[in-house]
Protein backbone atom coordinates (compact mmCIF):
# COMPACT_ATOMS: atom_id res chain seq x y z
CA MET A 1 -7.23 19.51 -3.87
CA THR A 2 -8.22 18.54 -0.33
CA ASP A 3 -6.44 15.50 1.07
CA VAL A 4 -8.93 12.97 2.43
CA LEU A 5 -7.04 13.09 5.74
CA ASP A 6 -7.86 16.78 6.10
CA LEU A 7 -11.44 15.70 6.75
CA PHE A 8 -10.16 14.48 10.14
CA PRO A 9 -8.22 17.53 11.42
CA GLN A 10 -7.62 16.02 14.87
CA TYR A 11 -5.56 13.25 13.26
CA ALA A 12 -4.49 14.72 9.91
CA GLU A 13 -0.86 15.63 10.56
CA GLU A 14 0.14 12.42 12.34
CA LEU A 15 -1.65 10.32 9.72
CA LYS A 16 0.14 12.13 6.89
CA LEU A 17 3.46 11.28 8.52
CA LEU A 18 2.33 7.67 8.83
CA ARG A 19 1.38 7.60 5.17
CA LYS A 20 4.79 9.02 4.26
CA THR A 21 6.48 6.26 6.27
CA ALA A 22 4.38 3.57 4.56
CA ARG A 23 5.02 5.05 1.12
CA GLU A 24 8.77 5.26 1.62
CA TYR A 25 8.86 1.70 2.95
CA ALA A 26 7.02 0.46 -0.16
CA GLN A 27 9.23 2.47 -2.53
CA ARG A 28 12.37 0.98 -0.97
CA ASN A 29 11.19 -2.63 -0.82
CA PHE A 30 8.47 -3.34 -3.41
CA SER A 31 8.76 -4.01 -7.12
CA PRO A 32 6.61 -5.82 -9.69
CA GLU A 33 9.48 -8.22 -10.37
CA LEU A 34 9.67 -9.18 -6.69
CA ALA A 35 5.90 -9.62 -6.54
CA ARG A 36 5.94 -11.96 -9.53
CA GLU A 37 8.76 -13.96 -7.95
CA TYR A 38 6.91 -14.46 -4.66
CA GLU A 39 3.68 -15.24 -6.47
CA LYS A 40 5.22 -17.95 -8.62
CA LYS A 41 6.64 -19.60 -5.51
CA GLU A 42 3.35 -19.08 -3.62
CA GLU A 43 5.58 -17.86 -0.81
CA PHE A 44 4.87 -15.45 2.05
CA PRO A 45 7.31 -12.46 2.03
CA TRP A 46 8.71 -12.88 5.55
CA ASP A 47 11.53 -10.42 5.05
CA LEU A 48 9.18 -7.63 3.98
CA TYR A 49 6.76 -8.51 6.76
CA LYS A 50 9.47 -8.19 9.40
CA LYS A 51 10.61 -4.85 8.03
CA ALA A 52 7.04 -3.58 8.17
CA GLY A 53 6.82 -4.75 11.77
CA GLU A 54 9.98 -2.86 12.68
CA LEU A 55 8.36 0.33 11.37
CA GLY A 56 5.11 -0.21 13.28
CA LEU A 57 3.10 -0.67 10.08
CA LEU A 58 1.40 -3.98 10.92
CA ALA A 59 -1.03 -2.62 13.50
CA PRO A 60 -0.83 1.19 13.58
CA SER A 61 -3.92 1.67 15.75
CA ILE A 62 -2.89 -0.85 18.45
CA PRO A 63 -1.16 0.59 21.57
CA THR A 64 2.61 0.29 21.77
CA ASP A 65 2.24 -1.83 24.94
CA TYR A 66 1.20 -4.67 22.64
CA GLY A 67 3.65 -3.96 19.83
CA GLY A 68 1.39 -1.73 17.74
CA GLY A 69 2.03 1.70 16.28
CA GLY A 70 0.25 3.60 19.06
CA PHE A 71 -2.04 5.75 16.93
CA THR A 72 -5.33 6.67 18.56
CA THR A 73 -7.63 6.03 15.61
CA TYR A 74 -8.49 3.05 13.43
CA ILE A 75 -8.08 5.30 10.40
CA ALA A 76 -4.33 4.69 10.79
CA ASP A 77 -4.81 1.07 9.73
CA ILE A 78 -6.70 2.21 6.64
CA VAL A 79 -3.98 4.69 5.67
CA VAL A 80 -1.25 2.04 5.74
CA THR A 81 -3.35 -0.60 3.98
CA GLU A 82 -4.27 1.75 1.14
CA GLU A 83 -0.67 2.85 0.69
CA LEU A 84 0.98 -0.58 0.71
CA VAL A 85 -1.61 -2.28 -1.50
CA ARG A 86 -1.55 0.59 -3.99
CA ALA A 87 2.25 0.39 -4.20
CA GLU A 88 2.19 -3.33 -5.08
CA PRO A 89 -1.01 -5.31 -4.47
CA THR A 90 0.47 -8.81 -4.31
CA LEU A 91 3.04 -7.83 -1.67
CA GLY A 92 0.90 -5.28 0.18
CA LEU A 93 -1.96 -7.76 0.53
CA ALA A 94 0.32 -10.40 2.04
CA ILE A 95 1.86 -8.03 4.57
CA MET A 96 -1.46 -6.64 5.76
CA ALA A 97 -2.89 -10.17 5.98
CA GLY A 98 -0.12 -11.33 8.30
CA PRO A 99 -1.81 -10.12 11.53
CA PHE A 100 -5.27 -11.25 10.31
CA THR A 101 -7.85 -11.43 13.16
CA SER A 102 -5.31 -10.39 15.81
CA HIS A 103 -7.37 -7.25 16.39
CA MET A 104 -10.09 -9.47 17.81
CA LEU A 105 -7.68 -10.69 20.46
CA TYR A 106 -6.91 -7.06 21.27
CA PHE A 107 -10.61 -6.16 21.45
CA PHE A 108 -11.72 -9.07 23.62
CA GLY A 109 -8.67 -10.79 25.09
CA THR A 110 -7.46 -10.56 28.68
CA GLU A 111 -4.48 -8.37 29.46
CA GLU A 112 -2.33 -11.47 29.87
CA GLN A 113 -3.46 -12.83 26.49
CA ARG A 114 -2.75 -9.54 24.77
CA LYS A 115 0.76 -9.20 26.15
CA LYS A 116 1.63 -12.82 25.43
CA TYR A 117 0.36 -13.18 21.90
CA LEU A 118 0.21 -9.80 20.17
CA PRO A 119 3.76 -8.33 20.30
CA PRO A 120 5.43 -11.13 18.29
CA VAL A 121 2.80 -10.70 15.58
CA TYR A 122 3.13 -6.93 15.37
CA ARG A 123 6.93 -7.14 15.39
CA GLY A 124 6.65 -9.25 12.25
CA GLU A 125 7.93 -12.44 13.88
CA ASN A 126 4.66 -14.41 13.68
CA THR A 127 1.50 -14.36 11.64
CA PHE A 128 -1.98 -14.96 13.11
CA PHE A 129 -5.19 -16.63 11.99
CA GLY A 130 -8.91 -16.69 12.65
CA ALA A 131 -10.55 -20.07 12.05
CA TYR A 132 -14.29 -19.72 11.47
CA THR A 133 -15.12 -21.27 8.09
CA GLU A 134 -15.96 -24.97 7.79
CA PRO A 135 -16.63 -27.13 4.71
CA GLU A 136 -20.36 -27.12 5.49
CA HIS A 137 -20.49 -23.66 7.08
CA GLY A 138 -19.05 -20.77 5.09
CA THR A 139 -21.10 -17.59 5.35
CA ASP A 140 -23.46 -19.24 7.85
CA ILE A 141 -21.66 -19.76 11.15
CA THR A 142 -24.80 -19.96 13.30
CA GLN A 143 -24.16 -23.70 13.77
CA LEU A 144 -20.72 -25.32 13.61
CA ASN A 145 -19.49 -28.90 13.39
CA THR A 146 -16.35 -28.10 15.39
CA VAL A 147 -17.12 -28.93 19.02
CA ALA A 148 -15.30 -28.08 22.28
CA GLU A 149 -16.17 -30.27 25.27
CA LYS A 150 -15.15 -29.24 28.81
CA LYS A 151 -13.21 -31.88 30.78
CA GLY A 152 -11.67 -30.74 34.04
CA ASP A 153 -9.55 -27.66 33.40
CA LYS A 154 -9.34 -28.30 29.66
CA TYR A 155 -11.52 -28.26 26.56
CA ILE A 156 -11.31 -31.14 24.07
CA ILE A 157 -11.82 -29.84 20.53
CA ARG A 158 -12.77 -31.94 17.50
CA GLY A 159 -13.50 -30.69 14.02
CA MET A 160 -12.14 -29.08 10.87
CA LYS A 161 -11.72 -25.55 9.54
CA THR A 162 -11.05 -24.62 5.91
CA PHE A 163 -9.85 -21.63 3.86
CA ILE A 164 -7.99 -20.33 6.91
CA THR A 165 -5.67 -17.43 6.12
CA ASN A 166 -2.14 -17.91 7.57
CA ALA A 167 -2.87 -21.40 8.92
CA PRO A 168 0.30 -22.83 7.27
CA THR A 169 2.61 -20.15 8.71
CA ALA A 170 1.10 -19.03 12.03
CA LYS A 171 2.18 -20.43 15.39
CA TYR A 172 -1.18 -19.59 16.95
CA GLY A 173 -4.54 -17.97 16.31
CA LEU A 174 -8.23 -17.98 17.18
CA LEU A 175 -10.70 -20.77 16.57
CA LEU A 176 -14.50 -20.66 16.88
CA ALA A 177 -16.16 -23.81 18.25
CA GLN A 178 -19.48 -24.98 19.67
CA THR A 179 -19.26 -25.31 23.44
CA GLU A 180 -23.01 -25.93 23.72
CA PRO A 181 -24.21 -27.27 20.33
CA GLU A 182 -27.87 -27.33 21.38
CA LYS A 183 -27.77 -23.53 21.72
CA ARG A 184 -26.45 -23.05 18.16
CA HIS A 185 -24.89 -19.57 17.82
CA ARG A 186 -25.62 -18.77 21.47
CA GLY A 187 -23.31 -21.60 22.47
CA GLN A 188 -20.09 -20.74 20.64
CA THR A 189 -16.72 -19.83 22.14
CA LEU A 190 -13.43 -18.54 20.76
CA PHE A 191 -10.20 -20.28 21.75
CA ILE A 192 -6.54 -19.38 21.32
CA ILE A 193 -4.89 -22.46 19.83
CA HIS A 194 -1.29 -23.32 18.90
CA THR A 195 -0.62 -25.09 15.62
CA ASP A 196 2.07 -27.35 17.13
CA TRP A 197 -0.23 -28.90 19.75
CA PRO A 198 -0.85 -32.67 19.62
CA GLY A 199 -3.90 -33.53 17.55
CA ILE A 200 -3.63 -30.54 15.21
CA THR A 201 -2.83 -31.08 11.54
CA ILE A 202 -2.41 -28.27 9.02
CA ARG A 203 -2.83 -28.87 5.30
CA ARG A 204 -1.72 -26.09 2.99
CA LEU A 205 -4.02 -25.21 0.09
CA THR A 206 -2.27 -24.21 -3.14
CA GLY A 207 -3.26 -23.24 -6.66
CA LYS A 208 -5.38 -20.21 -5.81
CA MET A 209 -6.47 -17.89 -8.61
CA GLY A 210 -4.82 -14.93 -6.87
CA GLN A 211 -3.36 -13.66 -3.60
CA ARG A 212 -0.89 -16.52 -3.82
CA THR A 213 1.55 -14.86 -1.43
CA ILE A 214 -1.05 -15.22 1.35
CA PRO A 215 -0.86 -18.75 2.77
CA VAL A 216 -4.20 -20.53 3.24
CA GLY A 217 -4.88 -23.93 4.73
CA GLU A 218 -7.14 -26.38 6.48
CA ILE A 219 -6.97 -27.12 10.19
CA TYR A 220 -7.87 -30.59 11.48
CA LEU A 221 -8.46 -31.02 15.22
CA ASP A 222 -8.47 -34.54 16.65
CA ASN A 223 -9.26 -34.38 20.38
CA VAL A 224 -7.03 -31.36 20.90
CA GLU A 225 -6.58 -30.41 24.56
CA VAL A 226 -6.91 -26.66 25.09
CA PRO A 227 -6.34 -25.12 28.54
CA ALA A 228 -9.35 -23.26 29.93
CA GLU A 229 -7.12 -20.19 30.25
CA ASN A 230 -7.05 -20.10 26.43
CA VAL A 231 -10.71 -19.18 26.18
CA LEU A 232 -10.61 -15.74 24.59
CA GLY A 233 -11.33 -13.18 27.28
CA GLY A 234 -11.19 -15.85 30.00
CA GLU A 235 -13.90 -18.38 30.82
CA GLU A 236 -15.98 -16.10 33.00
CA LYS A 237 -16.25 -13.41 30.34
CA GLY A 238 -15.71 -15.27 27.07
CA LEU A 239 -17.67 -18.52 27.35
CA ASN A 240 -20.43 -18.66 24.71
CA GLN A 241 -19.59 -15.16 23.44
CA GLY A 242 -17.78 -16.37 20.32
CA PHE A 243 -20.49 -15.74 17.75
CA TYR A 244 -21.23 -12.24 19.00
CA TRP A 245 -17.58 -11.24 19.23
CA THR A 246 -16.92 -12.59 15.75
CA LEU A 247 -19.70 -10.47 14.28
CA ALA A 248 -18.49 -7.44 16.23
CA TYR A 249 -15.01 -7.96 14.79
CA PHE A 250 -16.36 -8.32 11.23
CA ASN A 251 -17.97 -4.89 11.65
CA VAL A 252 -14.42 -3.54 11.74
CA SER A 253 -12.48 -5.96 9.54
CA ARG A 254 -14.81 -5.56 6.56
CA ILE A 255 -13.63 -1.97 6.27
CA GLY A 256 -10.13 -3.37 5.96
CA VAL A 257 -11.24 -5.58 3.07
CA ALA A 258 -12.84 -2.55 1.44
CA THR A 259 -9.48 -0.82 1.69
CA LEU A 260 -7.78 -3.75 0.00
CA GLY A 261 -10.16 -3.19 -2.91
CA LEU A 262 -9.40 0.53 -2.87
CA GLY A 263 -5.65 -0.09 -2.95
CA ILE A 264 -5.94 -2.55 -5.84
CA ALA A 265 -8.17 -0.13 -7.76
CA LEU A 266 -5.62 2.66 -7.29
CA ALA A 267 -2.78 0.41 -8.44
CA ALA A 268 -4.72 -0.54 -11.57
CA PHE A 269 -5.65 3.08 -12.26
CA ASP A 270 -1.99 4.14 -11.94
CA LYS A 271 -0.96 1.49 -14.46
CA ALA A 272 -3.78 2.37 -16.85
CA LEU A 273 -3.04 6.11 -16.76
CA GLU A 274 0.68 5.55 -17.31
CA TYR A 275 0.03 3.17 -20.20
CA ALA A 276 -2.47 5.52 -21.84
CA GLN A 277 0.08 8.35 -21.71
CA LYS A 278 2.92 6.27 -23.17
CA ARG A 279 1.20 3.96 -25.67
CA ASN A 280 0.78 5.35 -29.19
CA GLN A 281 -1.96 4.27 -31.59
CA PHE A 282 -2.82 5.91 -34.91
CA GLY A 283 0.10 8.28 -34.43
CA GLN A 284 -0.85 9.67 -31.03
CA PRO A 285 -1.01 8.67 -27.34
CA LEU A 286 -4.02 6.63 -26.26
CA ILE A 287 -4.98 9.29 -23.74
CA ASN A 288 -5.84 11.64 -26.61
CA PHE A 289 -8.83 9.46 -27.54
CA GLU A 290 -12.11 10.47 -25.94
CA MET A 291 -13.18 6.90 -25.18
CA ILE A 292 -10.01 6.32 -23.15
CA GLN A 293 -10.48 9.66 -21.42
CA GLU A 294 -14.01 8.67 -20.44
CA LYS A 295 -12.80 5.36 -19.02
CA LEU A 296 -10.12 7.04 -16.92
CA ALA A 297 -12.53 9.72 -15.73
CA ARG A 298 -15.10 7.14 -14.61
CA MET A 299 -12.41 5.09 -12.88
CA ALA A 300 -11.15 8.16 -10.99
CA MET A 301 -14.68 9.17 -10.01
CA LEU A 302 -15.53 5.75 -8.58
CA ILE A 303 -12.23 5.50 -6.72
CA GLU A 304 -12.81 8.85 -5.03
CA ALA A 305 -16.36 7.85 -4.07
CA ALA A 306 -15.12 4.54 -2.63
CA ARG A 307 -12.34 6.25 -0.70
CA SER A 308 -14.78 8.71 0.86
CA LEU A 309 -17.14 5.94 1.97
CA ILE A 310 -14.31 3.79 3.36
CA TYR A 311 -12.72 6.60 5.36
CA ARG A 312 -16.09 7.67 6.69
CA ALA A 313 -16.77 4.11 7.83
CA ALA A 314 -13.32 3.90 9.43
CA TYR A 315 -14.00 7.13 11.32
CA TYR A 316 -16.99 5.51 13.00
CA VAL A 317 -14.93 2.59 14.32
CA ASP A 318 -13.45 4.58 17.19
CA ASP A 319 -16.91 5.40 18.57
CA TYR A 320 -18.15 1.89 17.81
CA LEU A 321 -15.42 0.40 19.99
CA LYS A 322 -16.54 2.73 22.78
CA PHE A 323 -20.12 1.37 22.46
CA LYS A 324 -21.42 4.68 21.10
CA ILE A 325 -22.79 3.20 17.86
CA ASP A 326 -25.40 0.46 17.42
CA PRO A 327 -23.60 -2.69 16.17
CA ARG A 328 -26.27 -3.17 13.49
CA ALA A 329 -25.66 0.34 12.18
CA MET A 330 -21.90 -0.26 12.22
CA GLY A 331 -22.44 -3.53 10.39
CA ALA A 332 -24.39 -1.69 7.71
CA ILE A 333 -21.82 1.06 7.09
CA ALA A 334 -18.96 -1.48 7.16
CA GLY A 335 -20.88 -3.72 4.79
CA ALA A 336 -21.56 -0.81 2.45
CA ALA A 337 -17.87 0.08 2.40
CA LYS A 338 -16.92 -3.54 1.76
CA VAL A 339 -19.39 -4.06 -1.06
CA TYR A 340 -18.74 -0.75 -2.77
CA GLY A 341 -14.97 -0.81 -2.33
CA THR A 342 -14.60 -4.29 -3.78
CA GLU A 343 -17.08 -3.72 -6.61
CA VAL A 344 -15.28 -0.52 -7.60
CA ALA A 345 -12.07 -2.56 -7.69
CA ASN A 346 -13.81 -5.07 -9.93
CA TYR A 347 -14.80 -2.32 -12.38
CA VAL A 348 -11.54 -0.38 -12.31
CA VAL A 349 -9.24 -3.37 -12.76
CA ASP A 350 -11.39 -4.65 -15.62
CA GLU A 351 -11.21 -1.28 -17.35
CA ALA A 352 -7.46 -1.10 -16.77
CA ILE A 353 -7.08 -4.40 -18.59
CA GLN A 354 -9.30 -3.07 -21.38
CA ILE A 355 -7.15 0.04 -21.78
CA HIS A 356 -4.07 -2.16 -22.03
CA GLY A 357 -5.75 -4.20 -24.75
CA GLY A 358 -4.06 -7.52 -25.51
CA TYR A 359 -1.07 -6.59 -23.38
CA GLY A 360 -3.33 -6.43 -20.32
CA TYR A 361 -3.77 -10.18 -20.59
CA PHE A 362 -0.06 -10.85 -19.99
CA GLU A 363 1.73 -10.90 -16.64
CA GLU A 364 4.43 -8.47 -17.76
CA PHE A 365 1.94 -5.60 -17.50
CA ASP A 366 0.72 -6.59 -13.99
CA VAL A 367 -2.96 -5.68 -14.36
CA GLU A 368 -3.90 -9.33 -15.02
CA ARG A 369 -2.36 -10.17 -11.64
CA TYR A 370 -4.31 -7.35 -10.00
CA TRP A 371 -7.49 -8.89 -11.40
CA ARG A 372 -6.65 -12.27 -9.89
CA ASP A 373 -5.66 -10.69 -6.57
CA HIS A 374 -8.82 -8.62 -6.27
CA ARG A 375 -11.44 -11.23 -7.17
CA VAL A 376 -11.66 -12.96 -3.78
CA THR A 377 -12.31 -9.69 -1.95
CA ARG A 378 -15.95 -9.96 -3.03
CA ILE A 379 -16.14 -13.38 -1.35
CA TYR A 380 -14.20 -13.43 1.91
CA GLU A 381 -15.06 -11.65 5.16
CA GLY A 382 -18.70 -12.17 4.23
CA THR A 383 -19.75 -12.35 0.57
CA ASN A 384 -21.01 -9.12 -0.94
CA GLU A 385 -24.44 -10.70 -1.12
CA ILE A 386 -24.58 -11.33 2.64
CA ASN A 387 -23.32 -7.80 3.30
CA LEU A 388 -26.16 -6.39 1.22
CA LEU A 389 -28.57 -8.34 3.41
CA THR A 390 -26.92 -6.81 6.48
CA ILE A 391 -27.47 -3.36 5.02
CA SER A 392 -31.10 -4.03 4.14
CA ASP A 393 -31.78 -5.46 7.61
CA ALA A 394 -30.39 -2.31 9.27
CA LEU A 395 -32.52 -0.14 7.01
CA ARG A 396 -35.61 -2.23 7.69
CA ARG A 397 -35.10 -1.98 11.43
CA GLY A 398 -34.43 1.76 11.25
CA VAL A 399 -31.01 1.54 12.92
CA TRP A 400 -29.20 2.99 9.89
CA LYS A 401 -30.80 6.06 8.37
CA LEU A 402 -29.59 8.03 5.38
């Protein structure tokens, strides 16, 4: 059977070696028992994160000058994400979330900003965050309550951000604020902020349904002084570009979320297939029953369809970053991958629980944890509903044609 990577012959061999590295890393370091332990503590797996950084697995497509893996295609990120999340979703999700939003700094940051902030993240020494969401502004970031006012060579920032991935563990990250509130989304700027600066308070949020190994928190900013040099991309280039750069980044990162769904679906399928082969009912293995066979067949079919869409979307990223693809078209294909990948995960994990029967409801068999870990993927990085609107808008405007 053709390997999905063979569809990209210019990259296939190097990506297969990367996948082998990721798979061997996961086999050596992951286990369901370890995942349950970290989840119960709601603790980030720093030791595993650092090991992944040492192997270049945290940012495969970022140049080695900035601590990345040096691969020349974004597909490399997808390969590693799929492999680690499939091996053990709870641990794989946490590791791949560690550098969250750092790609935006690579895309739009100055050379000095890249070299200062990215290597420690990709070596597994630091995590990173992107602070966009506010209590009154979740999906809609066209107008924010967080305000940055210029005073001399500094910006004074006041406001609050919520549901921020890695806020409790990261030393620094990106924050979106209104620099000209009267201009709404046309007056937003991204800033690099440090969590230990005066005026910044971080409150950790606990008790999540799933993905408990990924730290999430709220960021409070009380007249925080931010040097003008910390405007992402520099003041001359980056001032009032925050909204547009954020959307451009989402056109890439949503494919990553789709891959999280793919990895979780594969993990659940693996468990369901193994259970159906080993579990006996009425004197024979479950897999001998046609209803179970149909479930597994449908699960496999949907997973393959999702994988094809996700890898196709990832293939477009390289041209998109070279300005060869209309951002609205890229938003549509990324949104389609995100919606389909996460909805396939929803179906597959649910069916995996069903195949396990009553045992699927208990943590010992892991699929209940996969359900809890997958559920938020249909919400964050743009709800599936908003992504469907992005797709329909691109179709209506004729920028994405089937």
